[in-house]
């Protein structure tokens, strides 16, 4: 399974790069002994950004793999759905 839509792929990649920058920022904040409240606020922002990227990815996977796959039989789609739900539950 791969991301089929190049626009969505670019959008998710952009979000992940932004998250990467936020994480580096928090590392710098810790190194600079910044206020704990500021660090927690940034960590909360990172968690929200990761959740948003995850949901965007999940939406794309669900749309592409579950709705647009006439060639895949129902049992395989059900297994894919179960796998996706298990992964979501782990989060």
C-alpha atoms as a PDB file:
ATOM      1  CA  UNK A   1       0.000   0.000   0.000  1.00  0.00           C
ATOM      2  CA  UNK A   2       1.305   3.416  -0.966  1.00  0.00           C
ATOM      3  CA  UNK A   3      -0.013   6.942  -0.904  1.00  0.00           C
ATOM      4  CA  UNK A   4      -1.586   7.464  -4.279  1.00  0.00           C
ATOM      5  CA  UNK A   5      -2.300  11.183  -4.274  1.00  0.00           C
ATOM      6  CA  UNK A   6       0.865  13.294  -4.785  1.00  0.00           C
ATOM      7  CA  UNK A   7      -0.832  16.374  -3.284  1.00  0.00           C
ATOM      8  CA  UNK A   8      -1.618  14.529  -0.045  1.00  0.00           C
ATOM      9  CA  UNK A   9       1.871  13.019   0.015  1.00  0.00           C
ATOM     10  CA  UNK A  10       3.430  16.497  -0.255  1.00  0.00           C
ATOM     11  CA  UNK A  11       1.069  17.902   2.355  1.00  0.00           C
ATOM     12  CA  UNK A  12       1.904  15.147   4.864  1.00  0.00           C
ATOM     13  CA  UNK A  13       5.634  15.492   4.151  1.00  0.00           C
ATOM     14  CA  UNK A  14       5.419  19.241   4.766  1.00  0.00           C
ATOM     15  CA  UNK A  15       3.669  18.645   8.094  1.00  0.00           C
ATOM     16  CA  UNK A  16       6.284  16.093   9.135  1.00  0.00           C
ATOM     17  CA  UNK A  17       9.104  18.505   8.343  1.00  0.00           C
ATOM     18  CA  UNK A  18       7.394  21.161  10.427  1.00  0.00           C
ATOM     19  CA  UNK A  19       7.078  18.669  13.286  1.00  0.00           C
ATOM     20  CA  UNK A  20      10.760  17.814  12.908  1.00  0.00           C
ATOM     21  CA  UNK A  21      11.597  21.507  13.292  1.00  0.00           C
ATOM     22  CA  UNK A  22       9.398  21.750  16.379  1.00  0.00           C
ATOM     23  CA  UNK A  23      11.188  18.779  17.953  1.00  0.00           C
ATOM     24  CA  UNK A  24      14.577  20.368  17.280  1.00  0.00           C
ATOM     25  CA  UNK A  25      13.240  23.560  18.845  1.00  0.00           C
ATOM     26  CA  UNK A  26      12.267  21.688  22.009  1.00  0.00           C
ATOM     27  CA  UNK A  27      15.712  20.080  22.140  1.00  0.00           C
ATOM     28  CA  UNK A  28      17.217  23.568  22.019  1.00  0.00           C
ATOM     29  CA  UNK A  29      14.808  24.813  24.686  1.00  0.00           C
ATOM     30  CA  UNK A  30      15.896  21.992  27.002  1.00  0.00           C
ATOM     31  CA  UNK A  31      19.571  22.681  26.297  1.00  0.00           C
ATOM     32  CA  UNK A  32      18.972  26.368  27.110  1.00  0.00           C
ATOM     33  CA  UNK A  33      17.184  25.482  30.378  1.00  0.00           C
ATOM     34  CA  UNK A  34      14.005  27.235  29.272  1.00  0.00           C
ATOM     35  CA  UNK A  35      10.908  27.368  31.437  1.00  0.00           C
ATOM     36  CA  UNK A  36       9.149  24.002  31.857  1.00  0.00           C
ATOM     37  CA  UNK A  37       5.774  25.543  30.965  1.00  0.00           C
ATOM     38  CA  UNK A  38       7.105  26.721  27.593  1.00  0.00           C
ATOM     39  CA  UNK A  39       8.571  23.282  26.878  1.00  0.00           C
ATOM     40  CA  UNK A  40       5.332  21.507  27.788  1.00  0.00           C
ATOM     41  CA  UNK A  41       3.394  23.913  25.599  1.00  0.00           C
ATOM     42  CA  UNK A  42       5.630  23.065  22.625  1.00  0.00           C
ATOM     43  CA  UNK A  43       5.389  19.337  23.332  1.00  0.00           C
ATOM     44  CA  UNK A  44       1.614  19.656  23.362  1.00  0.00           C
ATOM     45  CA  UNK A  45       1.773  21.413  19.994  1.00  0.00           C
ATOM     46  CA  UNK A  46       3.945  18.611  18.621  1.00  0.00           C
ATOM     47  CA  UNK A  47       1.486  15.983  19.848  1.00  0.00           C
ATOM     48  CA  UNK A  48      -1.384  17.817  18.128  1.00  0.00           C
ATOM     49  CA  UNK A  49       0.599  18.163  14.912  1.00  0.00           C
ATOM     50  CA  UNK A  50       1.453  14.445  14.882  1.00  0.00           C
ATOM     51  CA  UNK A  51      -2.196  13.581  15.510  1.00  0.00           C
ATOM     52  CA  UNK A  52      -3.254  15.822  12.640  1.00  0.00           C
ATOM     53  CA  UNK A  53      -0.708  14.270  10.255  1.00  0.00           C
ATOM     54  CA  UNK A  54      -1.782  10.792  11.361  1.00  0.00           C
ATOM     55  CA  UNK A  55      -5.439  11.545  10.693  1.00  0.00           C
ATOM     56  CA  UNK A  56      -4.644  12.996   7.274  1.00  0.00           C
ATOM     57  CA  UNK A  57      -2.658   9.863   6.439  1.00  0.00           C
ATOM     58  CA  UNK A  58      -5.411   7.602   7.770  1.00  0.00           C
ATOM     59  CA  UNK A  59      -8.022   9.437   5.729  1.00  0.00           C
ATOM     60  CA  UNK A  60      -5.964   8.967   2.575  1.00  0.00           C
ATOM     61  CA  UNK A  61      -5.367   5.283   3.290  1.00  0.00           C
ATOM     62  CA  UNK A  62      -9.019   4.669   4.095  1.00  0.00           C
ATOM     63  CA  UNK A  63     -10.159   6.463   0.968  1.00  0.00           C
ATOM     64  CA  UNK A  64      -7.639   4.890  -1.358  1.00  0.00           C
ATOM     65  CA  UNK A  65      -7.449   1.387   0.042  1.00  0.00           C
ATOM     66  CA  UNK A  66     -10.973   0.779   1.265  1.00  0.00           C
ATOM     67  CA  UNK A  67     -13.185   2.749  -1.077  1.00  0.00           C
ATOM     68  CA  UNK A  68     -11.278   2.713  -4.354  1.00  0.00           C
ATOM     69  CA  UNK A  69     -10.200  -0.910  -4.531  1.00  0.00           C
ATOM     70  CA  UNK A  70     -12.703  -2.814  -6.586  1.00  0.00           C
ATOM     71  CA  UNK A  71     -10.002  -5.325  -7.469  1.00  0.00           C
ATOM     72  CA  UNK A  72      -9.467  -6.323  -3.816  1.00  0.00           C
ATOM     73  CA  UNK A  73     -11.982  -8.782  -2.431  1.00  0.00           C
ATOM     74  CA  UNK A  74     -14.072  -7.978   0.622  1.00  0.00           C
ATOM     75  CA  UNK A  75     -12.147 -10.260   3.010  1.00  0.00           C
ATOM     76  CA  UNK A  76      -8.861  -8.485   2.234  1.00  0.00           C
ATOM     77  CA  UNK A  77     -10.506  -5.090   2.741  1.00  0.00           C
ATOM     78  CA  UNK A  78     -11.901  -6.280   6.067  1.00  0.00           C
ATOM     79  CA  UNK A  79      -8.411  -7.396   7.139  1.00  0.00           C
ATOM     80  CA  UNK A  80      -7.012  -4.008   6.122  1.00  0.00           C
ATOM     81  CA  UNK A  81      -9.715  -2.234   8.100  1.00  0.00           C
ATOM     82  CA  UNK A  82      -9.037  -4.399  11.155  1.00  0.00           C
ATOM     83  CA  UNK A  83      -5.322  -3.689  10.868  1.00  0.00           C
ATOM     84  CA  UNK A  84      -5.954   0.057  10.636  1.00  0.00           C
ATOM     85  CA  UNK A  85      -8.233   0.000  13.665  1.00  0.00           C
ATOM     86  CA  UNK A  86      -5.641  -1.943  15.663  1.00  0.00           C
ATOM     87  CA  UNK A  87      -2.979   0.619  14.784  1.00  0.00           C
ATOM     88  CA  UNK A  88      -5.275   3.488  15.771  1.00  0.00           C
ATOM     89  CA  UNK A  89      -6.031   1.790  19.071  1.00  0.00           C
ATOM     90  CA  UNK A  90      -2.300   1.578  19.845  1.00  0.00           C
ATOM     91  CA  UNK A  91      -2.011   5.351  19.523  1.00  0.00           C
END
